[in-house]
C-alpha atoms as a PDB file:
ATOM      1  CA  MET A   1       0.000   0.000   0.000  1.00  0.00           C
ATOM      2  CA  SER A   2       1.293   3.419  -0.951  1.00  0.00           C
ATOM      3  CA  ALA A   3       2.097   6.104   1.562  1.00  0.00           C
ATOM      4  CA  GLN A   4      -0.806   8.166   0.297  1.00  0.00           C
ATOM      5  CA  ALA A   5      -3.237   5.322   0.834  1.00  0.00           C
ATOM      6  CA  ASP A   6      -1.884   4.862   4.380  1.00  0.00           C
ATOM      7  CA  ILE A   7      -2.558   8.514   5.169  1.00  0.00           C
ATOM      8  CA  VAL A   8      -6.126   8.252   3.875  1.00  0.00           C
ATOM      9  CA  GLN A   9      -6.731   5.073   5.894  1.00  0.00           C
ATOM     10  CA  GLU A  10      -5.356   6.677   9.068  1.00  0.00           C
ATOM     11  CA  ALA A  11      -7.581   9.746   8.574  1.00  0.00           C
ATOM     12  CA  ARG A  12     -10.633   7.547   8.182  1.00  0.00           C
ATOM     13  CA  SER A  13      -9.749   5.637  11.361  1.00  0.00           C
ATOM     14  CA  ASN A  14      -9.369   8.881  13.303  1.00  0.00           C
ATOM     15  CA  LEU A  15     -12.713  10.145  12.027  1.00  0.00           C
ATOM     16  CA  ARG A  16     -14.437   6.940  13.143  1.00  0.00           C
ATOM     17  CA  ARG A  17     -12.900   7.256  16.609  1.00  0.00           C
ATOM     18  CA  ILE A  18     -14.107  10.882  16.903  1.00  0.00           C
ATOM     19  CA  LEU A  19     -17.624   9.985  15.831  1.00  0.00           C
ATOM     20  CA  VAL A  20     -17.772   7.083  18.290  1.00  0.00           C
ATOM     21  CA  SER A  21     -16.535   9.368  21.081  1.00  0.00           C
ATOM     22  CA  MET A  22     -19.222  11.959  20.273  1.00  0.00           C
ATOM     23  CA  VAL A  23     -21.917   9.283  20.392  1.00  0.00           C
ATOM     24  CA  VAL A  24     -20.641   8.057  23.773  1.00  0.00           C
ATOM     25  CA  ILE A  25     -20.564  11.607  25.132  1.00  0.00           C
ATOM     26  CA  GLY A  26     -24.096  12.171  23.850  1.00  0.00           C
ATOM     27  CA  PHE A  27     -25.338   9.066  25.635  1.00  0.00           C
ATOM     28  CA  ALA A  28     -23.592  10.147  28.839  1.00  0.00           C
ATOM     29  CA  ALA A  29     -25.176  13.588  28.689  1.00  0.00           C
ATOM     30  CA  ALA A  30     -28.600  12.078  28.114  1.00  0.00           C
ATOM     31  CA  ALA A  31     -28.074   9.719  31.025  1.00  0.00           C
ATOM     32  CA  ALA A  32     -26.994  12.592  33.281  1.00  0.00           C
ATOM     33  CA  ALA A  33     -30.043  14.619  32.296  1.00  0.00           C
ATOM     34  CA  SER A  34     -32.363  11.747  33.032  1.00  0.00           C
ATOM     35  CA  THR A  35     -30.792  11.341  36.498  1.00  0.00           C
ATOM     36  CA  PHE A  36     -32.094  14.824  37.605  1.00  0.00           C
ATOM     37  CA  ALA A  37     -35.543  14.647  36.015  1.00  0.00           C
ATOM     38  CA  THR A  38     -38.277  14.229  38.663  1.00  0.00           C
ATOM     39  CA  PHE A  39     -41.974  14.725  39.388  1.00  0.00           C
ATOM     40  CA  SER A  40     -42.801  17.540  41.903  1.00  0.00           C
ATOM     41  CA  ALA A  41     -45.661  19.353  43.633  1.00  0.00           C
ATOM     42  CA  GLN A  42     -45.856  22.560  45.716  1.00  0.00           C
ATOM     43  CA  THR A  43     -48.547  24.339  47.730  1.00  0.00           C
ATOM     44  CA  THR A  44     -48.232  27.701  49.520  1.00  0.00           C
ATOM     45  CA  ASN A  45     -49.970  29.539  52.385  1.00  0.00           C
ATOM     46  CA  PRO A  46     -49.606  33.345  52.454  1.00  0.00           C
ATOM     47  CA  ALA A  47     -49.269  34.747  55.998  1.00  0.00           C
ATOM     48  CA  THR A  48     -49.436  38.287  57.403  1.00  0.00           C
ATOM     49  CA  ILE A  49     -48.456  38.626  61.071  1.00  0.00           C
ATOM     50  CA  ALA A  50     -49.925  41.744  62.700  1.00  0.00           C
ATOM     51  CA  ASN A  51     -49.053  43.246  66.070  1.00  0.00           C
ATOM     52  CA  ALA A  52     -51.930  44.534  68.183  1.00  0.00           C
ATOM     53  CA  THR A  53     -52.624  48.223  68.842  1.00  0.00           C
ATOM     54  CA  VAL A  54     -53.513  50.242  71.930  1.00  0.00           C
ATOM     55  CA  THR A  55     -54.677  53.636  70.679  1.00  0.00           C
ATOM     56  CA  MET A  56     -57.319  56.277  71.346  1.00  0.00           C
ATOM     57  CA  THR A  57     -58.773  59.449  69.912  1.00  0.00           C
ATOM     58  CA  ASN A  58     -58.952  62.622  72.004  1.00  0.00           C
ATOM     59  CA  VAL A  59     -61.351  65.311  70.789  1.00  0.00           C
ATOM     60  CA  VAL A  60     -61.672  68.452  72.916  1.00  0.00           C
ATOM     61  CA  GLY A  61     -65.101  70.093  72.872  1.00  0.00           C
ATOM     62  CA  THR A  62     -63.833  73.620  72.231  1.00  0.00           C
ATOM     63  CA  ASN A  63     -60.729  74.196  70.131  1.00  0.00           C
ATOM     64  CA  LEU A  64     -58.140  76.103  72.139  1.00  0.00           C
ATOM     65  CA  GLY A  65     -55.191  75.252  69.910  1.00  0.00           C
ATOM     66  CA  GLY A  66     -53.021  72.202  69.457  1.00  0.00           C
ATOM     67  CA  ILE A  67     -53.285  68.917  67.573  1.00  0.00           C
ATOM     68  CA  ASP A  68     -56.739  67.566  66.799  1.00  0.00           C
ATOM     69  CA  CYS A  69     -56.421  63.886  67.748  1.00  0.00           C
ATOM     70  CA  THR A  70     -59.350  62.597  65.702  1.00  0.00           C
ATOM     71  CA  THR A  71     -57.512  59.456  64.573  1.00  0.00           C
ATOM     72  CA  GLY A  72     -56.156  56.779  66.893  1.00  0.00           C
ATOM     73  CA  VAL A  73     -52.845  57.777  68.472  1.00  0.00           C
ATOM     74  CA  SER A  74     -50.619  56.159  71.072  1.00  0.00           C
ATOM     75  CA  ASP A  75     -48.474  59.018  72.403  1.00  0.00           C
ATOM     76  CA  THR A  76     -49.519  62.521  71.395  1.00  0.00           C
ATOM     77  CA  THR A  77     -50.253  65.839  73.090  1.00  0.00           C
ATOM     78  CA  CYS A  78     -53.692  66.886  71.870  1.00  0.00           C
ATOM     79  CA  LYS A  79     -55.576  70.170  72.103  1.00  0.00           C
ATOM     80  CA  ALA A  80     -55.551  72.302  75.247  1.00  0.00           C
ATOM     81  CA  LEU A  81     -58.424  71.780  77.676  1.00  0.00           C
ATOM     82  CA  PHE A  82     -58.127  75.145  79.418  1.00  0.00           C
ATOM     83  CA  THR A  83     -56.263  78.334  78.631  1.00  0.00           C
ATOM     84  CA  ALA A  84     -55.833  81.717  80.330  1.00  0.00           C
ATOM     85  CA  ASN A  85     -57.793  84.693  79.013  1.00  0.00           C
ATOM     86  CA  ASN A  86     -57.356  87.521  81.448  1.00  0.00           C
ATOM     87  CA  THR A  87     -56.014  90.205  79.156  1.00  0.00           C
ATOM     88  CA  ASP A  88     -59.386  91.735  78.194  1.00  0.00           C
ATOM     89  CA  SER A  89     -61.892  92.460  80.921  1.00  0.00           C
ATOM     90  CA  ALA A  90     -64.634  92.876  78.321  1.00  0.00           C
ATOM     91  CA  ALA A  91     -64.017  89.510  76.715  1.00  0.00           C
ATOM     92  CA  VAL A  92     -66.861  87.034  76.645  1.00  0.00           C
ATOM     93  CA  LEU A  93     -65.242  83.815  77.732  1.00  0.00           C
ATOM     94  CA  GLY A  94     -65.863  80.654  75.786  1.00  0.00           C
ATOM     95  CA  ALA A  95     -65.554  77.078  76.971  1.00  0.00           C
ATOM     96  CA  GLY A  96     -62.121  76.336  78.359  1.00  0.00           C
ATOM     97  CA  GLN A  97     -61.130  79.976  78.694  1.00  0.00           C
ATOM     98  CA  THR A  98     -60.335  81.005  82.244  1.00  0.00           C
ATOM     99  CA  ASN A  99     -60.476  84.409  83.916  1.00  0.00           C
ATOM    100  CA  LEU A 100     -61.811  83.233  87.250  1.00  0.00           C
ATOM    101  CA  LYS A 101     -63.259  85.564  89.865  1.00  0.00           C
ATOM    102  CA  PRO A 102     -63.587  84.725  93.559  1.00  0.00           C
ATOM    103  CA  GLY A 103     -66.736  82.918  94.607  1.00  0.00           C
ATOM    104  CA  ASP A 104     -68.267  82.696  91.129  1.00  0.00           C
ATOM    105  CA  ALA A 105     -70.856  79.898  91.167  1.00  0.00           C
ATOM    106  CA  THR A 106     -70.489  79.282  87.424  1.00  0.00           C
ATOM    107  CA  PRO A 107     -67.417  77.175  86.680  1.00  0.00           C
ATOM    108  CA  ALA A 108     -65.154  77.380  83.678  1.00  0.00           C
ATOM    109  CA  THR A 109     -65.816  74.205  81.733  1.00  0.00           C
ATOM    110  CA  ASN A 110     -64.684  72.163  78.769  1.00  0.00           C
ATOM    111  CA  SER A 111     -65.142  68.612  77.591  1.00  0.00           C
ATOM    112  CA  VAL A 112     -63.119  65.919  75.880  1.00  0.00           C
ATOM    113  CA  VAL A 113     -64.399  62.824  74.087  1.00  0.00           C
ATOM    114  CA  ILE A 114     -62.130  59.812  74.544  1.00  0.00           C
ATOM    115  CA  THR A 115     -62.700  56.860  72.210  1.00  0.00           C
ATOM    116  CA  TYR A 116     -60.676  53.679  72.444  1.00  0.00           C
ATOM    117  CA  THR A 117     -59.523  52.517  68.999  1.00  0.00           C
ATOM    118  CA  GLY A 118     -57.100  49.752  69.949  1.00  0.00           C
ATOM    119  CA  SER A 119     -57.450  46.132  68.888  1.00  0.00           C
ATOM    120  CA  LEU A 120     -56.977  44.669  72.386  1.00  0.00           C
ATOM    121  CA  PRO A 121     -59.191  45.087  75.458  1.00  0.00           C
ATOM    122  CA  THR A 122     -57.453  47.135  78.132  1.00  0.00           C
ATOM    123  CA  THR A 123     -56.517  46.074  81.640  1.00  0.00           C
ATOM    124  CA  LYS A 124     -55.861  49.678  82.636  1.00  0.00           C
ATOM    125  CA  PHE A 125     -57.562  52.856  81.488  1.00  0.00           C
ATOM    126  CA  ARG A 126     -56.582  55.752  83.702  1.00  0.00           C
ATOM    127  CA  LEU A 127     -56.584  59.521  84.189  1.00  0.00           C
ATOM    128  CA  PHE A 128     -53.881  61.420  86.028  1.00  0.00           C
ATOM    129  CA  ALA A 129     -52.225  64.844  86.079  1.00  0.00           C
ATOM    130  CA  SER A 130     -48.615  65.167  85.023  1.00  0.00           C
ATOM    131  CA  SER A 131     -46.436  68.253  85.426  1.00  0.00           C
ATOM    132  CA  TYR A 132     -48.834  69.762  87.967  1.00  0.00           C
ATOM    133  CA  GLN A 133     -47.882  73.148  89.384  1.00  0.00           C
ATOM    134  CA  SER A 134     -50.090  74.764  91.980  1.00  0.00           C
ATOM    135  CA  LYS A 135     -48.456  78.129  91.225  1.00  0.00           C
ATOM    136  CA  GLY A 136     -47.320  78.171  87.633  1.00  0.00           C
ATOM    137  CA  GLY A 137     -44.380  80.142  86.332  1.00  0.00           C
ATOM    138  CA  ALA A 138     -46.665  82.451  84.335  1.00  0.00           C
ATOM    139  CA  SER A 139     -48.375  83.745  87.469  1.00  0.00           C
ATOM    140  CA  SER A 140     -48.519  87.513  87.796  1.00  0.00           C
ATOM    141  CA  ALA A 141     -46.370  89.390  90.288  1.00  0.00           C
ATOM    142  CA  LEU A 142     -49.672  90.184  92.000  1.00  0.00           C
ATOM    143  CA  CYS A 143     -49.907  86.523  93.005  1.00  0.00           C
ATOM    144  CA  THR A 144     -48.255  86.375  96.419  1.00  0.00           C
ATOM    145  CA  ALA A 145     -49.598  82.976  97.507  1.00  0.00           C
ATOM    146  CA  VAL A 146     -47.113  80.261  98.398  1.00  0.00           C
ATOM    147  CA  ALA A 147     -45.964  78.074  95.507  1.00  0.00           C
ATOM    148  CA  SER A 148     -47.145  74.706  96.835  1.00  0.00           C
ATOM    149  CA  GLY A 149     -48.873  73.006  99.730  1.00  0.00           C
ATOM    150  CA  ALA A 150     -51.474  74.535 102.010  1.00  0.00           C
ATOM    151  CA  GLY A 151     -52.621  77.951 100.824  1.00  0.00           C
ATOM    152  CA  SER A 152     -51.137  77.615  97.330  1.00  0.00           C
ATOM    153  CA  PRO A 153     -53.294  78.661  94.338  1.00  0.00           C
ATOM    154  CA  GLY A 154     -54.298  75.113  93.351  1.00  0.00           C
ATOM    155  CA  THR A 155     -55.853  74.552  96.774  1.00  0.00           C
ATOM    156  CA  GLN A 156     -58.332  77.343  95.998  1.00  0.00           C
ATOM    157  CA  LEU A 157     -59.434  75.967  92.646  1.00  0.00           C
ATOM    158  CA  GLN A 158     -62.554  73.842  93.047  1.00  0.00           C
ATOM    159  CA  PHE A 159     -62.317  70.981  90.595  1.00  0.00           C
ATOM    160  CA  GLN A 160     -64.702  68.374  89.224  1.00  0.00           C
ATOM    161  CA  VAL A 161     -64.602  65.674  86.511  1.00  0.00           C
ATOM    162  CA  LYS A 162     -67.687  63.994  85.036  1.00  0.00           C
ATOM    163  CA  GLN A 163     -67.880  60.906  82.837  1.00  0.00           C
ATOM    164  CA  GLY A 164     -71.135  61.368  80.994  1.00  0.00           C
ATOM    165  CA  ALA A 165     -73.525  62.617  83.671  1.00  0.00           C
ATOM    166  CA  THR A 166     -71.674  60.903  86.544  1.00  0.00           C
ATOM    167  CA  ILE A 167     -69.227  62.763  88.767  1.00  0.00           C
ATOM    168  CA  ILE A 168     -66.080  60.627  88.986  1.00  0.00           C
ATOM    169  CA  TYR A 169     -64.005  63.228  90.823  1.00  0.00           C
ATOM    170  CA  PRO A 170     -64.422  63.805  93.700  1.00  0.00           C
ATOM    171  CA  THR A 171     -64.709  60.046  93.999  1.00  0.00           C
ATOM    172  CA  LEU A 172     -67.629  60.406  96.431  1.00  0.00           C
ATOM    173  CA  GLY A 173     -69.676  61.313  93.350  1.00  0.00           C
ATOM    174  CA  SER A 174     -70.878  64.785  94.295  1.00  0.00           C
ATOM    175  CA  GLY A 175     -69.669  68.359  94.658  1.00  0.00           C
ATOM    176  CA  PHE A 176     -66.133  69.596  93.995  1.00  0.00           C
ATOM    177  CA  GLY A 177     -62.684  68.659  95.204  1.00  0.00           C
ATOM    178  CA  THR A 178     -59.675  70.856  94.510  1.00  0.00           C
ATOM    179  CA  LEU A 179     -57.223  70.859  91.663  1.00  0.00           C
ATOM    180  CA  ASP A 180     -54.419  70.516  94.191  1.00  0.00           C
ATOM    181  CA  GLU A 181     -55.940  67.361  95.666  1.00  0.00           C
ATOM    182  CA  PHE A 182     -56.306  65.862  92.203  1.00  0.00           C
ATOM    183  CA  GLY A 183     -52.872  66.971  91.003  1.00  0.00           C
ATOM    184  CA  THR A 184     -51.033  65.667  94.064  1.00  0.00           C
ATOM    185  CA  THR A 185     -53.033  62.412  94.396  1.00  0.00           C
ATOM    186  CA  TYR A 186     -53.173  61.252  90.785  1.00  0.00           C
ATOM    187  CA  THR A 187     -49.620  61.803  89.601  1.00  0.00           C
ATOM    188  CA  SER A 188     -48.724  58.800  87.407  1.00  0.00           C
ATOM    189  CA  VAL A 189     -49.982  55.557  85.906  1.00  0.00           C
ATOM    190  CA  ASN A 190     -49.425  53.811  89.238  1.00  0.00           C
ATOM    191  CA  ALA A 191     -51.291  56.528  91.127  1.00  0.00           C
ATOM    192  CA  SER A 192     -54.220  57.275  88.827  1.00  0.00           C
ATOM    193  CA  LEU A 193     -58.007  57.375  88.583  1.00  0.00           C
ATOM    194  CA  ALA A 194     -59.481  54.212  86.994  1.00  0.00           C
ATOM    195  CA  LEU A 195     -62.044  54.929  84.278  1.00  0.00           C
ATOM    196  CA  LYS A 196     -64.951  52.667  83.353  1.00  0.00           C
ATOM    197  CA  GLY A 197     -65.303  51.403  79.802  1.00  0.00           C
ATOM    198  CA  GLY A 198     -68.456  50.832  77.767  1.00  0.00           C
ATOM    199  CA  THR A 199     -70.549  53.780  76.627  1.00  0.00           C
ATOM    200  CA  SER A 200     -70.291  56.752  78.990  1.00  0.00           C
ATOM    201  CA  GLY A 201     -68.860  54.561  81.739  1.00  0.00           C
ATOM    202  CA  SER A 202     -71.463  51.794  81.605  1.00  0.00           C
ATOM    203  CA  GLY A 203     -68.813  49.056  81.705  1.00  0.00           C
ATOM    204  CA  SER A 204     -66.182  47.874  84.148  1.00  0.00           C
ATOM    205  CA  ALA A 205     -63.348  49.948  85.585  1.00  0.00           C
ATOM    206  CA  ASP A 206     -60.177  49.800  83.474  1.00  0.00           C
ATOM    207  CA  VAL A 207     -61.754  47.568  80.790  1.00  0.00           C
ATOM    208  CA  TRP A 208     -62.220  49.360  77.476  1.00  0.00           C
ATOM    209  CA  ASN A 209     -62.973  47.513  74.253  1.00  0.00           C
ATOM    210  CA  THR A 210     -62.653  48.788  70.707  1.00  0.00           C
ATOM    211  CA  SER A 211     -65.015  51.739  70.069  1.00  0.00           C
ATOM    212  CA  ASN A 212     -65.838  52.292  73.760  1.00  0.00           C
ATOM    213  CA  SER A 213     -66.301  56.025  74.190  1.00  0.00           C
ATOM    214  CA  SER A 214     -67.048  58.602  76.876  1.00  0.00           C
ATOM    215  CA  THR A 215     -67.430  62.352  77.135  1.00  0.00           C
ATOM    216  CA  PHE A 216     -65.531  63.747  80.103  1.00  0.00           C
ATOM    217  CA  THR A 217     -66.482  67.207  81.358  1.00  0.00           C
ATOM    218  CA  VAL A 218     -64.030  69.142  83.504  1.00  0.00           C
ATOM    219  CA  ASN A 219     -65.290  72.013  85.663  1.00  0.00           C
ATOM    220  CA  VAL A 220     -63.208  74.445  87.693  1.00  0.00           C
ATOM    221  CA  LYS A 221     -64.047  77.517  89.739  1.00  0.00           C
ATOM    222  CA  LEU A 222     -62.286  79.795  92.224  1.00  0.00           C
ATOM    223  CA  ALA A 223     -63.143  79.794  95.907  1.00  0.00           C
ATOM    224  CA  SER A 224     -63.850  83.056  97.750  1.00  0.00           C
ATOM    225  CA  VAL A 225     -60.274  84.314  98.151  1.00  0.00           C
ATOM    226  CA  ASP A 226     -58.470  87.587  98.841  1.00  0.00           C
ATOM    227  CA  ASN A 227     -55.886  89.596  96.900  1.00  0.00           C
ATOM    228  CA  THR A 228     -53.195  87.026  97.666  1.00  0.00           C
ATOM    229  CA  TYR A 229     -54.498  85.032  94.680  1.00  0.00           C
ATOM    230  CA  GLN A 230     -54.814  87.801  92.085  1.00  0.00           C
ATOM    231  CA  GLY A 231     -53.180  86.807  88.818  1.00  0.00           C
ATOM    232  CA  CYS A 232     -52.254  83.307  89.961  1.00  0.00           C
ATOM    233  CA  GLN A 233     -52.068  80.519  87.394  1.00  0.00           C
ATOM    234  CA  SER A 234     -52.080  76.787  88.047  1.00  0.00           C
ATOM    235  CA  THR A 235     -51.017  74.287  85.382  1.00  0.00           C
ATOM    236  CA  ALA A 236     -51.437  70.575  84.781  1.00  0.00           C
ATOM    237  CA  THR A 237     -51.382  68.145  81.878  1.00  0.00           C
ATOM    238  CA  PHE A 238     -54.266  65.695  82.019  1.00  0.00           C
ATOM    239  CA  ALA A 239     -53.088  62.285  80.829  1.00  0.00           C
ATOM    240  CA  TRP A 240     -55.429  59.552  79.570  1.00  0.00           C
ATOM    241  CA  TYR A 241     -53.598  56.241  79.734  1.00  0.00           C
ATOM    242  CA  ALA A 242     -54.517  52.847  78.281  1.00  0.00           C
ATOM    243  CA  GLU A 243     -52.683  49.537  78.715  1.00  0.00           C
ATOM    244  CA  GLN A 244     -53.439  46.087  77.336  1.00  0.00           C
END
């Protein structure tokens, strides 16, 4: 056989080997693919996990400035309940405006509607006074009464709180106490006045459910006092507290 024929024969042999190799590789690939083929099934369950809320609205009867808490909030200072208006002797005072005169039988008054909007029933629903000052820093120089304790301005302010038509302070259910008694007795969550839930206090003390609501009316008037109390101002922040 000539050299040329040998070359042709060798080329043909090489080609056959390549083709056989490709077939083997193809079978291997097919086998590998078939190894990972499988039947499957899947089901799913969407889930939304929600934390509970403890919130309330706080709507003051007469707008004296501040935030109108008409949507459920958890920690907000809402509108003022009372404000001083003793700069104009001819002014006709509206609800919540104070320019008290000694012995006046008609109290200054304002109201606040508290509605519980939380998603959990409460185990505490309380009222207390924070930052109480019997003689506030804005008192006139004419106010010479002592700053605190017996004889201080807050002791001369007759004070009453109603839930609906029921007097809840004084706790005896009639008449007036004093702002000083309230402000020094009910000072924090742990020393506070328990409020009944339901509609206008028809439920149990401390237990408020979603949409329970009450109108609270606060009345204050000045006892028959002398010039020692001219221009005095007393201050307090009334806190409505709910806890699940």
